[in-house]
Amino acid sequence: MTAKLYFIRHGIAVDQQDCDRDEDRPLTEEGHRKTKQVAKRLHQMDIAFDLILTSPLVRARQTADILKTAGLSGKIEESEFLAPNGDIGSWLSWLDTWLQAGGTSLALIGHQPDLANWAEILVWGEAREGLVLKKAGIIGLMLPDTGLPVGRSMMFWLTAPKFLLV
């Protein structure tokens, strides 16, 4: 079975000037509301994840918690790979191990432009900085059955959250 990978950007967060550290910026009330609506719609579409892997930043972790609460996964793990400017090479090694262990559906919660660039690397073999992932937006990829997914994955979904709000 082909594994599916979902890149999900965190929801709307408070402005950077409203927090001492970027890492501590939480979701706004609107960010919580819209992310919950997106999560509800994903659940209605019978989308579920074996694992939600999230950036350790507060806004990403809050987004992951909302997805878990909506019943999209029973498992969340934090990963430094998904922090801003994370290392895709190290994550690819992690991904290979996860796939070999039988993983079939993975959600990555992180930040723009990193998530969109990683999706481009998996699809085209390089980051072209052409994809834009809106807050609480989703990119879905199907990974190849075997081998390194770089330049060999297929995008099946790119949506802004406004198309998922219920």
N, C-alpha and C. Protein backbone atom coordinates (compact mmCIF):
# COMPACT_ATOMS: atom_id res chain seq x y z
N MET A 1 0.84 -1.19 0.00
CA MET A 1 0.00 0.00 0.00
C MET A 1 0.88 1.25 0.00
N THR A 2 0.52 2.20 -0.79
CA THR A 2 1.25 3.47 -0.86
C THR A 2 0.95 4.30 0.38
N ALA A 3 1.98 4.83 0.98
CA ALA A 3 1.81 5.68 2.16
C ALA A 3 1.41 7.09 1.73
N LYS A 4 0.62 7.72 2.58
CA LYS A 4 0.20 9.10 2.35
C LYS A 4 0.85 10.00 3.39
N LEU A 5 1.27 11.15 2.92
CA LEU A 5 1.94 12.13 3.76
C LEU A 5 1.18 13.45 3.63
N TYR A 6 0.77 14.01 4.76
CA TYR A 6 0.02 15.26 4.77
C TYR A 6 0.87 16.34 5.45
N PHE A 7 1.16 17.40 4.73
CA PHE A 7 1.83 18.57 5.28
C PHE A 7 0.74 19.54 5.71
N ILE A 8 0.69 19.87 6.99
CA ILE A 8 -0.35 20.75 7.51
C ILE A 8 0.33 21.90 8.24
N ARG A 9 0.08 23.10 7.77
CA ARG A 9 0.65 24.27 8.42
C ARG A 9 -0.16 24.59 9.67
N HIS A 10 0.51 25.06 10.70
CA HIS A 10 -0.17 25.46 11.93
C HIS A 10 -1.25 26.50 11.64
N GLY A 11 -2.20 26.62 12.56
CA GLY A 11 -3.26 27.61 12.43
C GLY A 11 -2.76 29.02 12.68
N ILE A 12 -3.67 29.97 12.59
CA ILE A 12 -3.35 31.40 12.78
C ILE A 12 -2.83 31.62 14.20
N ALA A 13 -1.66 32.25 14.30
CA ALA A 13 -1.03 32.50 15.59
C ALA A 13 -0.98 34.00 15.88
N VAL A 14 -0.72 34.33 17.14
CA VAL A 14 -0.58 35.74 17.51
C VAL A 14 0.63 36.33 16.80
N ASP A 15 0.62 37.64 16.61
CA ASP A 15 1.71 38.33 15.93
C ASP A 15 3.01 38.19 16.72
N GLN A 16 4.09 38.20 15.98
CA GLN A 16 5.41 38.02 16.58
C GLN A 16 5.71 39.10 17.64
N GLN A 17 5.29 40.33 17.38
CA GLN A 17 5.58 41.40 18.34
C GLN A 17 4.81 41.23 19.65
N ASP A 18 3.82 40.34 19.69
CA ASP A 18 3.04 40.11 20.90
C ASP A 18 3.63 39.04 21.81
N CYS A 19 4.78 38.47 21.42
CA CYS A 19 5.44 37.44 22.23
C CYS A 19 6.93 37.76 22.32
N ASP A 20 7.50 37.42 23.45
CA ASP A 20 8.94 37.63 23.62
C ASP A 20 9.74 36.75 22.67
N ARG A 21 9.29 35.51 22.50
CA ARG A 21 10.01 34.56 21.63
C ARG A 21 9.05 33.99 20.59
N ASP A 22 9.53 33.86 19.37
CA ASP A 22 8.72 33.30 18.28
C ASP A 22 8.22 31.90 18.64
N GLU A 23 9.05 31.12 19.32
CA GLU A 23 8.71 29.75 19.67
C GLU A 23 7.47 29.65 20.56
N ASP A 24 7.17 30.72 21.28
CA ASP A 24 6.08 30.71 22.25
C ASP A 24 4.76 31.24 21.72
N ARG A 25 4.70 31.62 20.45
CA ARG A 25 3.47 32.21 19.92
C ARG A 25 2.34 31.18 19.86
N PRO A 26 1.25 31.41 20.57
CA PRO A 26 0.12 30.48 20.53
C PRO A 26 -0.84 30.81 19.38
N LEU A 27 -1.77 29.90 19.15
CA LEU A 27 -2.85 30.18 18.20
C LEU A 27 -3.75 31.26 18.76
N THR A 28 -4.31 32.05 17.87
CA THR A 28 -5.32 33.03 18.27
C THR A 28 -6.65 32.30 18.45
N GLU A 29 -7.64 33.03 18.97
CA GLU A 29 -8.98 32.45 19.08
C GLU A 29 -9.48 32.03 17.70
N GLU A 30 -9.27 32.89 16.70
CA GLU A 30 -9.66 32.55 15.33
C GLU A 30 -8.86 31.35 14.82
N GLY A 31 -7.59 31.28 15.17
CA GLY A 31 -6.76 30.15 14.77
C GLY A 31 -7.28 28.83 15.34
N HIS A 32 -7.68 28.86 16.62
CA HIS A 32 -8.28 27.66 17.23
C HIS A 32 -9.56 27.28 16.51
N ARG A 33 -10.43 28.28 16.30
CA ARG A 33 -11.74 28.01 15.70
C ARG A 33 -11.60 27.42 14.29
N LYS A 34 -10.80 28.07 13.46
CA LYS A 34 -10.65 27.59 12.07
C LYS A 34 -9.96 26.24 12.01
N THR A 35 -8.96 26.03 12.86
CA THR A 35 -8.26 24.74 12.85
C THR A 35 -9.20 23.64 13.30
N LYS A 36 -10.06 23.92 14.28
CA LYS A 36 -11.06 22.93 14.72
C LYS A 36 -12.02 22.61 13.58
N GLN A 37 -12.42 23.62 12.81
CA GLN A 37 -13.32 23.39 11.67
C GLN A 37 -12.64 22.53 10.60
N VAL A 38 -11.38 22.81 10.32
CA VAL A 38 -10.63 22.01 9.35
C VAL A 38 -10.53 20.57 9.85
N ALA A 39 -10.20 20.39 11.12
CA ALA A 39 -10.08 19.05 11.69
C ALA A 39 -11.40 18.29 11.61
N LYS A 40 -12.50 18.99 11.90
CA LYS A 40 -13.82 18.36 11.81
C LYS A 40 -14.10 17.90 10.39
N ARG A 41 -13.76 18.73 9.42
CA ARG A 41 -13.99 18.37 8.01
C ARG A 41 -13.12 17.18 7.61
N LEU A 42 -11.87 17.15 8.04
CA LEU A 42 -11.00 16.00 7.74
C LEU A 42 -11.59 14.72 8.32
N HIS A 43 -12.10 14.82 9.54
CA HIS A 43 -12.73 13.65 10.17
C HIS A 43 -13.95 13.19 9.36
N GLN A 44 -14.76 14.14 8.89
CA GLN A 44 -15.92 13.80 8.06
C GLN A 44 -15.50 13.12 6.76
N MET A 45 -14.30 13.45 6.29
CA MET A 45 -13.78 12.86 5.05
C MET A 45 -13.08 11.52 5.30
N ASP A 46 -13.17 11.02 6.54
CA ASP A 46 -12.55 9.75 6.95
C ASP A 46 -11.04 9.75 6.79
N ILE A 47 -10.42 10.90 6.99
CA ILE A 47 -8.96 10.97 6.97
C ILE A 47 -8.47 10.73 8.38
N ALA A 48 -7.48 9.88 8.50
CA ALA A 48 -6.89 9.57 9.80
C ALA A 48 -5.39 9.36 9.59
N PHE A 49 -4.64 9.59 10.64
CA PHE A 49 -3.20 9.48 10.59
C PHE A 49 -2.71 8.44 11.59
N ASP A 50 -1.74 7.63 11.18
CA ASP A 50 -1.10 6.72 12.12
C ASP A 50 -0.38 7.54 13.19
N LEU A 51 0.15 8.68 12.76
CA LEU A 51 0.95 9.53 13.64
C LEU A 51 0.87 10.97 13.18
N ILE A 52 0.82 11.88 14.14
CA ILE A 52 0.98 13.30 13.88
C ILE A 52 2.36 13.68 14.41
N LEU A 53 3.23 14.10 13.51
CA LEU A 53 4.57 14.55 13.87
C LEU A 53 4.56 16.07 13.81
N THR A 54 4.91 16.73 14.91
CA THR A 54 4.76 18.17 14.98
C THR A 54 6.04 18.89 15.36
N SER A 55 6.15 20.09 14.85
CA SER A 55 7.19 21.01 15.31
C SER A 55 6.98 21.24 16.80
N PRO A 56 8.06 21.47 17.55
CA PRO A 56 7.89 21.72 18.98
C PRO A 56 7.39 23.12 19.32
N LEU A 57 7.26 24.01 18.33
CA LEU A 57 6.78 25.36 18.61
C LEU A 57 5.32 25.32 19.06
N VAL A 58 4.95 26.21 19.96
CA VAL A 58 3.64 26.19 20.61
C VAL A 58 2.50 26.14 19.60
N ARG A 59 2.52 26.99 18.58
CA ARG A 59 1.40 27.06 17.63
C ARG A 59 1.24 25.76 16.84
N ALA A 60 2.34 25.10 16.53
CA ALA A 60 2.26 23.82 15.82
C ALA A 60 1.74 22.72 16.75
N ARG A 61 2.24 22.70 17.98
CA ARG A 61 1.79 21.69 18.94
C ARG A 61 0.29 21.86 19.23
N GLN A 62 -0.18 23.10 19.34
CA GLN A 62 -1.61 23.33 19.56
C GLN A 62 -2.43 22.83 18.37
N THR A 63 -1.92 23.04 17.16
CA THR A 63 -2.60 22.54 15.96
C THR A 63 -2.67 21.02 16.00
N ALA A 64 -1.57 20.37 16.35
CA ALA A 64 -1.53 18.91 16.45
C ALA A 64 -2.53 18.41 17.49
N ASP A 65 -2.61 19.09 18.63
CA ASP A 65 -3.55 18.69 19.68
C ASP A 65 -4.99 18.79 19.20
N ILE A 66 -5.30 19.83 18.42
CA ILE A 66 -6.65 19.98 17.86
C ILE A 66 -6.97 18.81 16.92
N LEU A 67 -6.02 18.43 16.08
CA LEU A 67 -6.24 17.31 15.16
C LEU A 67 -6.44 16.00 15.93
N LYS A 68 -5.67 15.81 16.97
CA LYS A 68 -5.82 14.59 17.78
C LYS A 68 -7.18 14.57 18.47
N THR A 69 -7.57 15.70 19.05
CA THR A 69 -8.86 15.79 19.74
C THR A 69 -10.02 15.51 18.80
N ALA A 70 -9.86 15.87 17.53
CA ALA A 70 -10.91 15.62 16.53
C ALA A 70 -10.97 14.15 16.11
N GLY A 71 -10.07 13.33 16.64
CA GLY A 71 -10.09 11.91 16.34
C GLY A 71 -9.31 11.52 15.10
N LEU A 72 -8.40 12.39 14.65
CA LEU A 72 -7.64 12.10 13.44
C LEU A 72 -6.44 11.21 13.71
N SER A 73 -6.02 11.11 14.96
CA SER A 73 -4.90 10.24 15.34
C SER A 73 -4.89 10.10 16.85
N GLY A 74 -4.36 8.98 17.30
CA GLY A 74 -4.21 8.78 18.74
C GLY A 74 -2.81 9.10 19.21
N LYS A 75 -1.94 9.46 18.27
CA LYS A 75 -0.53 9.61 18.61
C LYS A 75 0.06 10.90 18.07
N ILE A 76 0.75 11.65 18.94
CA ILE A 76 1.49 12.85 18.55
C ILE A 76 2.92 12.70 19.05
N GLU A 77 3.86 13.07 18.20
CA GLU A 77 5.27 13.16 18.61
C GLU A 77 5.81 14.49 18.15
N GLU A 78 6.65 15.11 18.97
CA GLU A 78 7.34 16.33 18.58
C GLU A 78 8.64 15.98 17.89
N SER A 79 9.03 16.80 16.92
CA SER A 79 10.26 16.57 16.18
C SER A 79 10.96 17.88 15.87
N GLU A 80 12.22 17.96 16.23
CA GLU A 80 13.03 19.14 15.91
C GLU A 80 13.17 19.30 14.39
N PHE A 81 13.02 18.22 13.64
CA PHE A 81 13.12 18.31 12.17
C PHE A 81 12.11 19.31 11.63
N LEU A 82 10.96 19.43 12.32
CA LEU A 82 9.88 20.28 11.84
C LEU A 82 9.90 21.70 12.38
N ALA A 83 10.86 22.01 13.23
CA ALA A 83 11.04 23.40 13.66
C ALA A 83 11.48 24.20 12.44
N PRO A 84 11.30 25.53 12.45
CA PRO A 84 11.75 26.32 11.30
C PRO A 84 13.20 26.01 10.93
N ASN A 85 13.44 25.89 9.63
CA ASN A 85 14.75 25.54 9.08
C ASN A 85 15.21 24.15 9.47
N GLY A 86 14.26 23.23 9.65
CA GLY A 86 14.58 21.85 10.01
C GLY A 86 15.32 21.13 8.90
N ASP A 87 15.96 20.04 9.27
CA ASP A 87 16.81 19.27 8.36
C ASP A 87 16.02 18.15 7.67
N ILE A 88 15.74 18.34 6.39
CA ILE A 88 14.98 17.33 5.65
C ILE A 88 15.76 16.02 5.52
N GLY A 89 17.07 16.08 5.43
CA GLY A 89 17.87 14.87 5.30
C GLY A 89 17.70 13.95 6.49
N SER A 90 17.78 14.50 7.69
CA SER A 90 17.58 13.70 8.90
C SER A 90 16.15 13.20 8.98
N TRP A 91 15.19 14.04 8.58
CA TRP A 91 13.80 13.60 8.60
C TRP A 91 13.57 12.46 7.62
N LEU A 92 14.21 12.50 6.45
CA LEU A 92 14.06 11.41 5.47
C LEU A 92 14.54 10.08 6.04
N SER A 93 15.60 10.11 6.83
CA SER A 93 16.06 8.88 7.49
C SER A 93 15.00 8.39 8.48
N TRP A 94 14.44 9.33 9.25
CA TRP A 94 13.37 8.99 10.18
C TRP A 94 12.18 8.40 9.41
N LEU A 95 11.81 9.04 8.29
CA LEU A 95 10.68 8.59 7.49
C LEU A 95 10.89 7.17 6.99
N ASP A 96 12.08 6.86 6.52
CA ASP A 96 12.37 5.52 6.03
C ASP A 96 12.14 4.48 7.12
N THR A 97 12.61 4.77 8.32
CA THR A 97 12.40 3.85 9.45
C THR A 97 10.92 3.71 9.76
N TRP A 98 10.20 4.82 9.74
CA TRP A 98 8.76 4.80 10.03
C TRP A 98 8.00 3.97 8.99
N LEU A 99 8.34 4.16 7.72
CA LEU A 99 7.69 3.40 6.65
C LEU A 99 8.00 1.91 6.76
N GLN A 100 9.23 1.58 7.07
CA GLN A 100 9.61 0.18 7.22
C GLN A 100 8.89 -0.49 8.39
N ALA A 101 8.52 0.31 9.37
CA ALA A 101 7.76 -0.20 10.52
C ALA A 101 6.27 -0.35 10.22
N GLY A 102 5.86 -0.01 8.99
CA GLY A 102 4.47 -0.21 8.58
C GLY A 102 3.61 1.04 8.56
N GLY A 103 4.20 2.21 8.72
CA GLY A 103 3.42 3.44 8.69
C GLY A 103 2.79 3.67 7.33
N THR A 104 1.54 4.14 7.32
CA THR A 104 0.83 4.34 6.05
C THR A 104 0.24 5.74 5.89
N SER A 105 0.07 6.48 6.99
CA SER A 105 -0.54 7.81 6.90
C SER A 105 0.06 8.71 7.99
N LEU A 106 0.78 9.73 7.54
CA LEU A 106 1.53 10.59 8.45
C LEU A 106 1.16 12.05 8.22
N ALA A 107 0.90 12.77 9.30
CA ALA A 107 0.69 14.22 9.23
C ALA A 107 1.90 14.91 9.81
N LEU A 108 2.42 15.89 9.08
CA LEU A 108 3.51 16.74 9.56
C LEU A 108 2.94 18.12 9.83
N ILE A 109 3.08 18.61 11.05
CA ILE A 109 2.59 19.93 11.42
C ILE A 109 3.80 20.84 11.58
N GLY A 110 3.84 21.91 10.77
CA GLY A 110 5.00 22.77 10.82
C GLY A 110 4.74 24.14 10.26
N HIS A 111 5.72 24.65 9.55
CA HIS A 111 5.79 26.06 9.20
C HIS A 111 6.06 26.27 7.71
N GLN A 112 5.67 27.45 7.23
CA GLN A 112 5.94 27.91 5.87
C GLN A 112 7.21 28.74 5.95
N PRO A 113 8.14 28.64 5.04
CA PRO A 113 8.07 27.93 3.77
C PRO A 113 8.57 26.49 3.83
N ASP A 114 9.03 26.04 5.01
CA ASP A 114 9.66 24.72 5.09
C ASP A 114 8.77 23.59 4.57
N LEU A 115 7.53 23.51 5.05
CA LEU A 115 6.67 22.40 4.63
C LEU A 115 6.45 22.39 3.12
N ALA A 116 6.16 23.54 2.55
CA ALA A 116 5.94 23.60 1.09
C ALA A 116 7.22 23.25 0.35
N ASN A 117 8.36 23.71 0.83
CA ASN A 117 9.63 23.37 0.20
C ASN A 117 9.91 21.88 0.28
N TRP A 118 9.63 21.27 1.42
CA TRP A 118 9.83 19.82 1.55
C TRP A 118 8.92 19.07 0.58
N ALA A 119 7.68 19.51 0.45
CA ALA A 119 6.76 18.86 -0.50
C ALA A 119 7.31 18.97 -1.91
N GLU A 120 7.83 20.14 -2.28
CA GLU A 120 8.42 20.31 -3.62
C GLU A 120 9.62 19.40 -3.81
N ILE A 121 10.44 19.25 -2.81
CA ILE A 121 11.61 18.35 -2.91
C ILE A 121 11.14 16.92 -3.14
N LEU A 122 10.09 16.50 -2.45
CA LEU A 122 9.61 15.13 -2.62
C LEU A 122 8.95 14.93 -3.99
N VAL A 123 8.32 15.95 -4.52
CA VAL A 123 7.65 15.83 -5.82
C VAL A 123 8.62 16.08 -6.98
N TRP A 124 9.38 17.18 -6.93
CA TRP A 124 10.20 17.60 -8.06
C TRP A 124 11.69 17.38 -7.89
N GLY A 125 12.10 16.98 -6.69
CA GLY A 125 13.52 16.77 -6.44
C GLY A 125 14.27 18.01 -6.02
N GLU A 126 13.57 19.15 -5.96
CA GLU A 126 14.19 20.40 -5.53
C GLU A 126 13.11 21.36 -5.05
N ALA A 127 13.52 22.28 -4.16
CA ALA A 127 12.60 23.31 -3.70
C ALA A 127 12.58 24.42 -4.73
N ARG A 128 11.41 24.71 -5.26
CA ARG A 128 11.25 25.76 -6.27
C ARG A 128 10.58 27.00 -5.69
N GLU A 129 10.15 26.91 -4.45
CA GLU A 129 9.46 27.99 -3.76
C GLU A 129 8.24 28.49 -4.53
N GLY A 130 7.53 27.54 -5.14
CA GLY A 130 6.33 27.87 -5.90
C GLY A 130 5.05 27.56 -5.16
N LEU A 131 5.09 26.59 -4.25
CA LEU A 131 3.90 26.23 -3.48
C LEU A 131 3.78 27.13 -2.27
N VAL A 132 2.56 27.52 -1.97
CA VAL A 132 2.28 28.32 -0.79
C VAL A 132 1.28 27.54 0.06
N LEU A 133 1.65 27.29 1.28
CA LEU A 133 0.78 26.57 2.20
C LEU A 133 0.21 27.58 3.20
N LYS A 134 -1.08 27.83 3.09
CA LYS A 134 -1.77 28.78 3.97
C LYS A 134 -1.86 28.20 5.39
N LYS A 135 -2.10 29.06 6.38
CA LYS A 135 -2.26 28.60 7.75
C LYS A 135 -3.45 27.66 7.85
N ALA A 136 -3.22 26.47 8.41
CA ALA A 136 -4.18 25.37 8.50
C ALA A 136 -4.49 24.78 7.12
N GLY A 137 -3.67 25.09 6.13
CA GLY A 137 -3.80 24.48 4.81
C GLY A 137 -3.10 23.13 4.75
N ILE A 138 -3.35 22.39 3.67
CA ILE A 138 -2.86 21.01 3.57
C ILE A 138 -2.30 20.73 2.18
N ILE A 139 -1.18 20.04 2.17
CA ILE A 139 -0.62 19.43 0.95
C ILE A 139 -0.60 17.93 1.21
N GLY A 140 -1.15 17.15 0.31
CA GLY A 140 -1.13 15.70 0.43
C GLY A 140 -0.25 15.08 -0.64
N LEU A 141 0.62 14.15 -0.23
CA LEU A 141 1.48 13.44 -1.17
C LEU A 141 1.30 11.94 -1.00
N MET A 142 1.39 11.24 -2.11
CA MET A 142 1.49 9.78 -2.08
C MET A 142 2.96 9.46 -2.31
N LEU A 143 3.51 8.66 -1.41
CA LEU A 143 4.92 8.30 -1.49
C LEU A 143 5.09 7.05 -2.32
N PRO A 144 6.23 6.88 -3.00
CA PRO A 144 6.45 5.67 -3.78
C PRO A 144 6.51 4.44 -2.85
N ASP A 145 6.18 3.28 -3.38
CA ASP A 145 6.16 2.06 -2.58
C ASP A 145 7.54 1.68 -2.05
N THR A 146 8.57 1.98 -2.82
CA THR A 146 9.92 1.63 -2.39
C THR A 146 10.89 2.75 -2.73
N GLY A 147 11.98 2.77 -2.04
CA GLY A 147 13.05 3.71 -2.35
C GLY A 147 12.83 5.10 -1.80
N LEU A 148 13.83 5.93 -2.01
CA LEU A 148 13.82 7.30 -1.55
C LEU A 148 12.70 8.08 -2.26
N PRO A 149 11.87 8.83 -1.51
CA PRO A 149 10.74 9.53 -2.12
C PRO A 149 11.10 10.83 -2.84
N VAL A 150 12.35 11.29 -2.72
CA VAL A 150 12.75 12.57 -3.31
C VAL A 150 12.60 12.52 -4.82
N GLY A 151 11.79 13.46 -5.36
CA GLY A 151 11.56 13.53 -6.80
C GLY A 151 10.68 12.43 -7.35
N ARG A 152 10.10 11.61 -6.46
CA ARG A 152 9.31 10.46 -6.91
C ARG A 152 7.93 10.40 -6.27
N SER A 153 7.57 11.40 -5.49
CA SER A 153 6.27 11.42 -4.82
C SER A 153 5.26 12.13 -5.71
N MET A 154 3.99 11.87 -5.46
CA MET A 154 2.93 12.46 -6.27
C MET A 154 2.00 13.28 -5.38
N MET A 155 1.82 14.54 -5.75
CA MET A 155 0.89 15.39 -5.01
C MET A 155 -0.53 15.05 -5.44
N PHE A 156 -1.39 14.82 -4.43
CA PHE A 156 -2.80 14.56 -4.73
C PHE A 156 -3.72 15.61 -4.13
N TRP A 157 -3.14 16.53 -3.32
CA TRP A 157 -4.01 17.47 -2.65
C TRP A 157 -3.24 18.73 -2.27
N LEU A 158 -3.80 19.88 -2.58
CA LEU A 158 -3.31 21.17 -2.13
C LEU A 158 -4.53 22.03 -1.91
N THR A 159 -4.77 22.39 -0.67
CA THR A 159 -5.96 23.19 -0.39
C THR A 159 -5.71 24.21 0.70
N ALA A 160 -6.32 25.35 0.51
CA ALA A 160 -6.35 26.38 1.56
C ALA A 160 -7.45 25.98 2.54
N PRO A 161 -7.37 26.41 3.79
CA PRO A 161 -8.37 26.02 4.77
C PRO A 161 -9.78 26.49 4.45
N LYS A 162 -9.91 27.58 3.70
CA LYS A 162 -11.26 28.09 3.43
C LYS A 162 -12.12 27.07 2.68
N PHE A 163 -11.51 26.12 1.99
CA PHE A 163 -12.27 25.10 1.28
C PHE A 163 -12.66 23.94 2.19
N LEU A 164 -12.17 23.95 3.42
CA LEU A 164 -12.48 22.88 4.36
C LEU A 164 -13.31 23.35 5.55
N LEU A 165 -13.53 24.66 5.65
CA LEU A 165 -14.29 25.16 6.80
C LEU A 165 -15.73 24.69 6.75
N VAL A 166 -16.19 24.21 7.89
CA VAL A 166 -17.56 23.68 7.95
C VAL A 166 -18.39 24.44 8.96
